[in-house]
Amino acid sequence: MTTGPEWVTRRLEVTARGVGWARHLELVREPDGAWRARAEETGTPPDGLAAPGVEAPDALDGALDCDVALCPVTNTMPIRRLGLLGDGAPAGETALVMAWVDVPSLRVLRSDQLYAARSPLDPGTGRAVVTYTSATRDFTADLTVDRDGLVLDYPQLARRV
């Protein structure tokens, strides 16, 4: 992933592999905010796996970030850009549009998400808590992050050791 000023995604490359198949996705956010995707596939993917890429690029209008399914690192960009670690964090929830990448299909969909500071950065522990909500999937989690906004604990998904 390549980001620009304010942690806005410029480019994402991701590969998914299975027995007898592989897919690669390059997702680029153009300077005008439009998204374009290039997907490659080799082998025979499992039956029922959605096609890779973006079916409706216009659905991603307003998206500044990519969110890769099952990858807590992609929560860092909105946390940093919104300033959710410090005392000056916005009050309440901030609504965002994400270019959400499903794994393993590498299909890209619009995802409406909410971020909110729950507990500011504790200088002693170097930890803060940010509430993440996927309005698209009816899911909420309190993410424990470090002073850089990297996820330390994403309940039921990941824990940094």
N, C-alpha and C. Protein backbone atom coordinates (compact mmCIF):
# COMPACT_ATOMS: atom_id res chain seq x y z
N MET A 1 0.84 -1.16 0.00
CA MET A 1 0.00 0.00 0.00
C MET A 1 0.89 1.23 0.00
N THR A 2 0.52 2.19 -0.83
CA THR A 2 1.19 3.48 -0.88
C THR A 2 0.17 4.54 -0.48
N THR A 3 0.57 5.41 0.45
CA THR A 3 -0.32 6.50 0.85
C THR A 3 0.34 7.83 0.53
N GLY A 4 -0.48 8.86 0.49
CA GLY A 4 0.01 10.21 0.24
C GLY A 4 -0.23 11.08 1.46
N PRO A 5 -0.28 12.40 1.25
CA PRO A 5 -0.55 13.31 2.36
C PRO A 5 -1.84 12.94 3.08
N GLU A 6 -1.84 13.12 4.39
CA GLU A 6 -3.01 12.83 5.22
C GLU A 6 -3.40 11.36 5.20
N TRP A 7 -2.46 10.49 4.86
CA TRP A 7 -2.67 9.05 4.89
C TRP A 7 -3.71 8.57 3.88
N VAL A 8 -3.96 9.34 2.84
CA VAL A 8 -4.92 8.96 1.80
C VAL A 8 -4.27 7.91 0.89
N THR A 9 -4.99 6.82 0.63
CA THR A 9 -4.46 5.75 -0.20
C THR A 9 -4.26 6.22 -1.63
N ARG A 10 -3.09 5.93 -2.15
CA ARG A 10 -2.81 6.17 -3.57
C ARG A 10 -2.88 4.87 -4.36
N ARG A 11 -2.37 3.79 -3.74
CA ARG A 11 -2.25 2.53 -4.49
C ARG A 11 -2.20 1.36 -3.51
N LEU A 12 -2.85 0.28 -3.91
CA LEU A 12 -2.82 -0.96 -3.13
C LEU A 12 -2.59 -2.12 -4.08
N GLU A 13 -1.69 -3.01 -3.70
CA GLU A 13 -1.51 -4.26 -4.44
C GLU A 13 -1.67 -5.40 -3.46
N VAL A 14 -2.46 -6.39 -3.84
CA VAL A 14 -2.69 -7.54 -2.97
C VAL A 14 -2.84 -8.80 -3.83
N THR A 15 -2.31 -9.90 -3.30
CA THR A 15 -2.38 -11.18 -3.99
C THR A 15 -3.04 -12.20 -3.07
N ALA A 16 -3.90 -13.02 -3.64
CA ALA A 16 -4.51 -14.14 -2.91
C ALA A 16 -4.18 -15.42 -3.67
N ARG A 17 -3.81 -16.46 -2.92
CA ARG A 17 -3.46 -17.73 -3.55
C ARG A 17 -4.21 -18.87 -2.87
N GLY A 18 -4.57 -19.84 -3.68
CA GLY A 18 -5.17 -21.07 -3.18
C GLY A 18 -4.58 -22.23 -3.95
N VAL A 19 -5.02 -23.43 -3.64
CA VAL A 19 -4.51 -24.61 -4.33
C VAL A 19 -4.95 -24.55 -5.79
N GLY A 20 -3.98 -24.38 -6.69
CA GLY A 20 -4.25 -24.38 -8.12
C GLY A 20 -4.73 -23.06 -8.70
N TRP A 21 -4.67 -21.96 -7.93
CA TRP A 21 -5.11 -20.67 -8.47
C TRP A 21 -4.44 -19.53 -7.70
N ALA A 22 -4.43 -18.36 -8.34
CA ALA A 22 -3.92 -17.14 -7.71
C ALA A 22 -4.60 -15.95 -8.36
N ARG A 23 -4.74 -14.89 -7.59
CA ARG A 23 -5.28 -13.63 -8.09
C ARG A 23 -4.41 -12.49 -7.59
N HIS A 24 -4.31 -11.46 -8.41
CA HIS A 24 -3.57 -10.26 -8.04
C HIS A 24 -4.43 -9.05 -8.37
N LEU A 25 -4.48 -8.10 -7.47
CA LEU A 25 -5.25 -6.87 -7.66
C LEU A 25 -4.35 -5.66 -7.46
N GLU A 26 -4.43 -4.74 -8.40
CA GLU A 26 -3.80 -3.43 -8.24
C GLU A 26 -4.94 -2.42 -8.25
N LEU A 27 -5.08 -1.69 -7.16
CA LEU A 27 -6.15 -0.70 -7.00
C LEU A 27 -5.50 0.66 -6.83
N VAL A 28 -5.89 1.61 -7.68
CA VAL A 28 -5.25 2.94 -7.70
C VAL A 28 -6.32 4.01 -7.53
N ARG A 29 -6.04 4.97 -6.65
CA ARG A 29 -6.89 6.15 -6.51
C ARG A 29 -6.23 7.28 -7.28
N GLU A 30 -6.91 7.73 -8.33
CA GLU A 30 -6.38 8.79 -9.19
C GLU A 30 -6.42 10.13 -8.45
N PRO A 31 -5.63 11.12 -8.91
CA PRO A 31 -5.64 12.44 -8.26
C PRO A 31 -7.03 13.09 -8.19
N ASP A 32 -7.91 12.75 -9.15
CA ASP A 32 -9.27 13.32 -9.12
C ASP A 32 -10.21 12.55 -8.20
N GLY A 33 -9.69 11.51 -7.52
CA GLY A 33 -10.50 10.73 -6.58
C GLY A 33 -11.13 9.49 -7.18
N ALA A 34 -11.04 9.32 -8.49
CA ALA A 34 -11.61 8.12 -9.13
C ALA A 34 -10.73 6.91 -8.85
N TRP A 35 -11.35 5.75 -8.72
CA TRP A 35 -10.63 4.51 -8.49
C TRP A 35 -10.60 3.68 -9.76
N ARG A 36 -9.46 3.04 -10.00
CA ARG A 36 -9.38 2.09 -11.11
C ARG A 36 -8.68 0.84 -10.59
N ALA A 37 -9.05 -0.28 -11.19
CA ALA A 37 -8.48 -1.55 -10.74
C ALA A 37 -8.02 -2.37 -11.93
N ARG A 38 -6.96 -3.13 -11.69
CA ARG A 38 -6.48 -4.10 -12.67
C ARG A 38 -6.34 -5.42 -11.92
N ALA A 39 -7.01 -6.44 -12.42
CA ALA A 39 -6.98 -7.74 -11.76
C ALA A 39 -6.46 -8.80 -12.72
N GLU A 40 -5.67 -9.71 -12.19
CA GLU A 40 -5.14 -10.84 -12.95
C GLU A 40 -5.49 -12.12 -12.21
N GLU A 41 -5.68 -13.18 -12.98
CA GLU A 41 -6.03 -14.46 -12.38
C GLU A 41 -5.32 -15.58 -13.13
N THR A 42 -4.81 -16.55 -12.39
CA THR A 42 -4.24 -17.74 -13.00
C THR A 42 -4.86 -18.96 -12.35
N GLY A 43 -4.93 -20.04 -13.10
CA GLY A 43 -5.48 -21.27 -12.56
C GLY A 43 -7.00 -21.24 -12.50
N THR A 44 -7.56 -22.13 -11.70
CA THR A 44 -9.01 -22.26 -11.57
C THR A 44 -9.42 -22.00 -10.13
N PRO A 45 -10.03 -20.83 -9.87
CA PRO A 45 -10.46 -20.52 -8.50
C PRO A 45 -11.65 -21.39 -8.10
N PRO A 46 -11.95 -21.47 -6.82
CA PRO A 46 -13.09 -22.26 -6.36
C PRO A 46 -14.40 -21.76 -6.96
N ASP A 47 -15.34 -22.68 -7.16
CA ASP A 47 -16.67 -22.30 -7.64
C ASP A 47 -17.30 -21.31 -6.66
N GLY A 48 -17.99 -20.33 -7.21
CA GLY A 48 -18.71 -19.37 -6.39
C GLY A 48 -17.89 -18.19 -5.91
N LEU A 49 -16.59 -18.17 -6.18
CA LEU A 49 -15.76 -17.05 -5.76
C LEU A 49 -16.04 -15.87 -6.69
N ALA A 50 -16.39 -14.73 -6.11
CA ALA A 50 -16.72 -13.54 -6.91
C ALA A 50 -15.54 -13.12 -7.76
N ALA A 51 -15.83 -12.46 -8.87
CA ALA A 51 -14.78 -11.95 -9.76
C ALA A 51 -13.99 -10.86 -9.05
N PRO A 52 -12.67 -10.79 -9.30
CA PRO A 52 -11.86 -9.74 -8.68
C PRO A 52 -12.09 -8.40 -9.37
N GLY A 53 -11.75 -7.31 -8.66
CA GLY A 53 -11.83 -5.97 -9.24
C GLY A 53 -13.05 -5.20 -8.78
N VAL A 54 -13.29 -4.09 -9.47
CA VAL A 54 -14.38 -3.17 -9.12
C VAL A 54 -15.48 -3.28 -10.16
N GLU A 55 -16.67 -3.66 -9.74
CA GLU A 55 -17.80 -3.74 -10.67
C GLU A 55 -18.36 -2.35 -10.95
N ALA A 56 -18.46 -1.52 -9.92
CA ALA A 56 -19.09 -0.21 -10.05
C ALA A 56 -18.18 0.86 -9.45
N PRO A 57 -17.21 1.37 -10.24
CA PRO A 57 -16.28 2.36 -9.71
C PRO A 57 -16.96 3.59 -9.10
N ASP A 58 -18.10 4.00 -9.66
CA ASP A 58 -18.79 5.17 -9.12
C ASP A 58 -19.27 4.95 -7.69
N ALA A 59 -19.49 3.70 -7.29
CA ALA A 59 -19.92 3.41 -5.93
C ALA A 59 -18.84 3.78 -4.91
N LEU A 60 -17.60 3.92 -5.38
CA LEU A 60 -16.48 4.25 -4.49
C LEU A 60 -16.26 5.75 -4.36
N ASP A 61 -17.12 6.56 -4.98
CA ASP A 61 -16.98 8.01 -4.87
C ASP A 61 -16.90 8.42 -3.40
N GLY A 62 -15.93 9.25 -3.09
CA GLY A 62 -15.75 9.72 -1.72
C GLY A 62 -14.81 8.87 -0.89
N ALA A 63 -14.43 7.70 -1.39
CA ALA A 63 -13.52 6.83 -0.64
C ALA A 63 -12.09 7.37 -0.72
N LEU A 64 -11.48 7.53 0.44
CA LEU A 64 -10.08 7.96 0.52
C LEU A 64 -9.15 6.80 0.84
N ASP A 65 -9.72 5.73 1.36
CA ASP A 65 -8.92 4.62 1.87
C ASP A 65 -9.36 3.30 1.30
N CYS A 66 -8.44 2.32 1.39
CA CYS A 66 -8.76 0.92 1.14
C CYS A 66 -8.84 0.23 2.50
N ASP A 67 -9.72 -0.73 2.60
CA ASP A 67 -9.81 -1.57 3.78
C ASP A 67 -9.77 -3.01 3.28
N VAL A 68 -8.70 -3.71 3.61
CA VAL A 68 -8.56 -5.10 3.19
C VAL A 68 -9.16 -5.98 4.28
N ALA A 69 -10.10 -6.84 3.90
CA ALA A 69 -10.74 -7.73 4.86
C ALA A 69 -9.70 -8.51 5.64
N LEU A 70 -9.92 -8.64 6.93
CA LEU A 70 -9.07 -9.43 7.82
C LEU A 70 -7.67 -8.85 7.99
N CYS A 71 -7.47 -7.57 7.65
CA CYS A 71 -6.15 -6.93 7.75
C CYS A 71 -6.24 -5.68 8.63
N PRO A 72 -5.91 -5.78 9.92
CA PRO A 72 -6.06 -4.64 10.81
C PRO A 72 -5.14 -3.46 10.50
N VAL A 73 -4.11 -3.67 9.71
CA VAL A 73 -3.22 -2.55 9.36
C VAL A 73 -3.97 -1.46 8.60
N THR A 74 -4.98 -1.85 7.81
CA THR A 74 -5.68 -0.86 7.00
C THR A 74 -6.59 0.05 7.82
N ASN A 75 -6.75 -0.22 9.12
CA ASN A 75 -7.47 0.70 9.99
C ASN A 75 -6.60 1.89 10.39
N THR A 76 -5.30 1.77 10.22
CA THR A 76 -4.37 2.81 10.66
C THR A 76 -4.56 4.13 9.92
N MET A 77 -4.78 4.09 8.62
CA MET A 77 -4.86 5.33 7.84
C MET A 77 -5.99 6.24 8.31
N PRO A 78 -7.23 5.76 8.44
CA PRO A 78 -8.27 6.67 8.93
C PRO A 78 -8.05 7.11 10.37
N ILE A 79 -7.50 6.24 11.21
CA ILE A 79 -7.22 6.61 12.60
C ILE A 79 -6.23 7.77 12.63
N ARG A 80 -5.18 7.70 11.83
CA ARG A 80 -4.18 8.77 11.80
C ARG A 80 -4.75 10.05 11.20
N ARG A 81 -5.43 9.92 10.04
CA ARG A 81 -5.94 11.11 9.36
C ARG A 81 -6.95 11.87 10.22
N LEU A 82 -7.79 11.13 10.94
CA LEU A 82 -8.82 11.77 11.76
C LEU A 82 -8.29 12.28 13.09
N GLY A 83 -7.05 11.96 13.42
CA GLY A 83 -6.48 12.43 14.68
C GLY A 83 -7.16 11.82 15.89
N LEU A 84 -7.47 10.53 15.84
CA LEU A 84 -8.24 9.88 16.89
C LEU A 84 -7.42 9.48 18.11
N LEU A 85 -6.14 9.79 18.13
CA LEU A 85 -5.30 9.38 19.25
C LEU A 85 -5.15 10.45 20.32
N GLY A 86 -5.33 11.70 19.97
CA GLY A 86 -5.04 12.77 20.90
C GLY A 86 -6.26 13.42 21.51
N ASP A 87 -5.99 14.45 22.32
CA ASP A 87 -7.06 15.18 22.98
C ASP A 87 -7.93 15.95 22.00
N GLY A 88 -7.39 16.26 20.82
CA GLY A 88 -8.14 17.02 19.83
C GLY A 88 -8.98 16.16 18.89
N ALA A 89 -9.21 14.90 19.27
CA ALA A 89 -9.99 14.00 18.42
C ALA A 89 -11.40 14.53 18.25
N PRO A 90 -11.99 14.33 17.07
CA PRO A 90 -13.36 14.80 16.85
C PRO A 90 -14.32 14.14 17.84
N ALA A 91 -15.30 14.92 18.30
CA ALA A 91 -16.33 14.37 19.18
C ALA A 91 -17.29 13.53 18.35
N GLY A 92 -17.66 12.40 18.86
CA GLY A 92 -18.62 11.55 18.15
C GLY A 92 -17.98 10.77 17.02
N GLU A 93 -18.84 10.22 16.19
CA GLU A 93 -18.40 9.36 15.09
C GLU A 93 -18.14 10.17 13.83
N THR A 94 -17.17 9.72 13.04
CA THR A 94 -16.90 10.29 11.73
C THR A 94 -17.22 9.22 10.69
N ALA A 95 -18.09 9.57 9.74
CA ALA A 95 -18.48 8.63 8.68
C ALA A 95 -17.48 8.69 7.54
N LEU A 96 -17.09 7.52 7.05
CA LEU A 96 -16.15 7.41 5.94
C LEU A 96 -16.65 6.39 4.93
N VAL A 97 -16.22 6.57 3.69
CA VAL A 97 -16.45 5.58 2.65
C VAL A 97 -15.11 4.91 2.37
N MET A 98 -15.11 3.59 2.31
CA MET A 98 -13.89 2.83 2.04
C MET A 98 -14.05 2.00 0.77
N ALA A 99 -12.93 1.77 0.10
CA ALA A 99 -12.87 0.78 -0.97
C ALA A 99 -12.47 -0.52 -0.28
N TRP A 100 -13.46 -1.36 0.01
CA TRP A 100 -13.25 -2.57 0.80
C TRP A 100 -12.90 -3.74 -0.11
N VAL A 101 -11.78 -4.40 0.17
CA VAL A 101 -11.29 -5.51 -0.65
C VAL A 101 -11.61 -6.82 0.07
N ASP A 102 -12.48 -7.61 -0.53
CA ASP A 102 -12.84 -8.92 0.02
C ASP A 102 -11.69 -9.90 -0.22
N VAL A 103 -11.46 -10.74 0.76
CA VAL A 103 -10.43 -11.77 0.65
C VAL A 103 -11.11 -13.12 0.80
N PRO A 104 -10.90 -14.07 -0.08
CA PRO A 104 -9.85 -14.16 -1.09
C PRO A 104 -10.27 -13.72 -2.49
N SER A 105 -11.52 -13.29 -2.68
CA SER A 105 -11.97 -12.99 -4.05
C SER A 105 -11.25 -11.80 -4.67
N LEU A 106 -10.85 -10.83 -3.83
CA LEU A 106 -10.26 -9.55 -4.26
C LEU A 106 -11.28 -8.69 -5.01
N ARG A 107 -12.54 -8.91 -4.72
CA ARG A 107 -13.61 -8.05 -5.23
C ARG A 107 -13.60 -6.78 -4.38
N VAL A 108 -13.78 -5.62 -5.02
CA VAL A 108 -13.75 -4.33 -4.33
C VAL A 108 -15.16 -3.78 -4.27
N LEU A 109 -15.59 -3.46 -3.05
CA LEU A 109 -16.94 -2.96 -2.81
C LEU A 109 -16.89 -1.68 -1.98
N ARG A 110 -17.94 -0.90 -2.06
CA ARG A 110 -18.09 0.26 -1.18
C ARG A 110 -18.40 -0.25 0.23
N SER A 111 -17.77 0.37 1.21
CA SER A 111 -18.04 0.05 2.61
C SER A 111 -18.20 1.36 3.37
N ASP A 112 -19.37 1.55 3.97
CA ASP A 112 -19.61 2.73 4.80
C ASP A 112 -19.18 2.38 6.22
N GLN A 113 -18.28 3.21 6.77
CA GLN A 113 -17.70 2.92 8.08
C GLN A 113 -17.73 4.15 8.97
N LEU A 114 -17.71 3.90 10.27
CA LEU A 114 -17.68 4.96 11.28
C LEU A 114 -16.48 4.73 12.19
N TYR A 115 -15.78 5.81 12.51
CA TYR A 115 -14.67 5.76 13.45
C TYR A 115 -14.91 6.79 14.55
N ALA A 116 -14.56 6.42 15.79
CA ALA A 116 -14.71 7.34 16.92
C ALA A 116 -13.63 7.05 17.95
N ALA A 117 -13.09 8.13 18.55
CA ALA A 117 -12.14 7.96 19.65
C ALA A 117 -12.92 7.54 20.88
N ARG A 118 -12.50 6.45 21.50
CA ARG A 118 -13.19 5.99 22.71
C ARG A 118 -12.38 6.35 23.95
N SER A 119 -11.08 6.07 23.92
CA SER A 119 -10.17 6.42 25.01
C SER A 119 -8.93 7.04 24.41
N PRO A 120 -8.59 8.28 24.80
CA PRO A 120 -7.40 8.92 24.22
C PRO A 120 -6.13 8.18 24.60
N LEU A 121 -5.07 8.52 23.90
CA LEU A 121 -3.78 7.89 24.14
C LEU A 121 -3.35 8.08 25.58
N ASP A 122 -3.02 6.99 26.24
CA ASP A 122 -2.49 7.01 27.60
C ASP A 122 -0.97 7.03 27.48
N PRO A 123 -0.33 8.14 27.89
CA PRO A 123 1.13 8.23 27.74
C PRO A 123 1.88 7.12 28.49
N GLY A 124 1.31 6.64 29.58
CA GLY A 124 1.97 5.60 30.37
C GLY A 124 2.00 4.26 29.67
N THR A 125 0.89 3.88 29.06
CA THR A 125 0.82 2.57 28.39
C THR A 125 1.09 2.67 26.90
N GLY A 126 0.99 3.89 26.34
CA GLY A 126 1.16 4.06 24.90
C GLY A 126 0.01 3.47 24.11
N ARG A 127 -1.18 3.41 24.73
CA ARG A 127 -2.34 2.81 24.08
C ARG A 127 -3.53 3.76 24.06
N ALA A 128 -4.35 3.58 23.03
CA ALA A 128 -5.62 4.29 22.91
C ALA A 128 -6.64 3.28 22.41
N VAL A 129 -7.92 3.63 22.53
CA VAL A 129 -8.99 2.76 22.02
C VAL A 129 -9.83 3.56 21.04
N VAL A 130 -10.04 2.98 19.87
CA VAL A 130 -10.85 3.58 18.81
C VAL A 130 -11.99 2.62 18.49
N THR A 131 -13.20 3.15 18.39
CA THR A 131 -14.34 2.32 18.00
C THR A 131 -14.50 2.37 16.50
N TYR A 132 -14.53 1.18 15.90
CA TYR A 132 -14.72 1.02 14.45
C TYR A 132 -16.07 0.35 14.23
N THR A 133 -16.86 0.91 13.32
CA THR A 133 -18.15 0.32 12.96
C THR A 133 -18.25 0.21 11.45
N SER A 134 -18.63 -0.97 10.99
CA SER A 134 -18.95 -1.15 9.58
C SER A 134 -20.46 -1.06 9.46
N ALA A 135 -20.94 0.05 8.92
CA ALA A 135 -22.38 0.22 8.74
C ALA A 135 -22.88 -0.73 7.66
N THR A 136 -22.01 -1.12 6.75
CA THR A 136 -22.37 -2.02 5.66
C THR A 136 -22.61 -3.44 6.17
N ARG A 137 -21.81 -3.87 7.15
CA ARG A 137 -21.88 -5.26 7.63
C ARG A 137 -22.45 -5.38 9.04
N ASP A 138 -22.96 -4.31 9.63
CA ASP A 138 -23.53 -4.34 10.97
C ASP A 138 -22.55 -4.97 11.97
N PHE A 139 -21.36 -4.35 12.06
CA PHE A 139 -20.29 -4.88 12.91
C PHE A 139 -19.62 -3.72 13.62
N THR A 140 -19.30 -3.89 14.91
CA THR A 140 -18.59 -2.88 15.69
C THR A 140 -17.50 -3.56 16.51
N ALA A 141 -16.34 -2.89 16.62
CA ALA A 141 -15.25 -3.41 17.45
C ALA A 141 -14.50 -2.24 18.07
N ASP A 142 -14.05 -2.43 19.30
CA ASP A 142 -13.16 -1.47 19.95
C ASP A 142 -11.73 -1.92 19.69
N LEU A 143 -11.00 -1.11 18.94
CA LEU A 143 -9.63 -1.43 18.55
C LEU A 143 -8.65 -0.77 19.52
N THR A 144 -7.78 -1.55 20.12
CA THR A 144 -6.71 -0.99 20.93
C THR A 144 -5.54 -0.74 20.00
N VAL A 145 -5.04 0.50 20.00
CA VAL A 145 -3.97 0.88 19.09
C VAL A 145 -2.79 1.45 19.87
N ASP A 146 -1.62 1.45 19.23
CA ASP A 146 -0.44 2.04 19.86
C ASP A 146 -0.36 3.53 19.52
N ARG A 147 0.70 4.18 19.95
CA ARG A 147 0.83 5.63 19.76
C ARG A 147 0.95 6.03 18.29
N ASP A 148 1.22 5.07 17.40
CA ASP A 148 1.28 5.33 15.97
C ASP A 148 -0.02 5.00 15.25
N GLY A 149 -1.01 4.52 15.99
CA GLY A 149 -2.29 4.16 15.38
C GLY A 149 -2.32 2.76 14.80
N LEU A 150 -1.29 1.97 15.08
CA LEU A 150 -1.27 0.57 14.62
C LEU A 150 -2.06 -0.30 15.60
N VAL A 151 -2.85 -1.19 15.07
CA VAL A 151 -3.72 -2.02 15.91
C VAL A 151 -2.90 -3.01 16.73
N LEU A 152 -3.15 -2.97 18.05
CA LEU A 152 -2.57 -3.95 18.96
C LEU A 152 -3.54 -5.10 19.21
N ASP A 153 -4.83 -4.76 19.31
CA ASP A 153 -5.84 -5.77 19.57
C ASP A 153 -7.11 -5.45 18.79
N TYR A 154 -7.50 -6.39 17.95
CA TYR A 154 -8.74 -6.30 17.18
C TYR A 154 -9.53 -7.53 17.61
N PRO A 155 -10.49 -7.37 18.53
CA PRO A 155 -11.17 -8.54 19.10
C PRO A 155 -11.66 -9.52 18.04
N GLN A 156 -11.40 -10.78 18.30
CA GLN A 156 -11.81 -11.91 17.47
C GLN A 156 -11.15 -11.93 16.09
N LEU A 157 -10.15 -11.05 15.86
CA LEU A 157 -9.47 -11.06 14.57
C LEU A 157 -7.95 -11.12 14.71
N ALA A 158 -7.37 -10.20 15.49
CA ALA A 158 -5.91 -10.13 15.54
C ALA A 158 -5.44 -9.52 16.85
N ARG A 159 -4.26 -9.96 17.26
CA ARG A 159 -3.60 -9.39 18.43
C ARG A 159 -2.11 -9.36 18.14
N ARG A 160 -1.51 -8.18 18.31
CA ARG A 160 -0.07 -8.06 18.10
C ARG A 160 0.65 -8.61 19.32
N VAL A 161 1.65 -9.44 19.08
CA VAL A 161 2.41 -10.04 20.19
C VAL A 161 3.83 -9.55 20.18
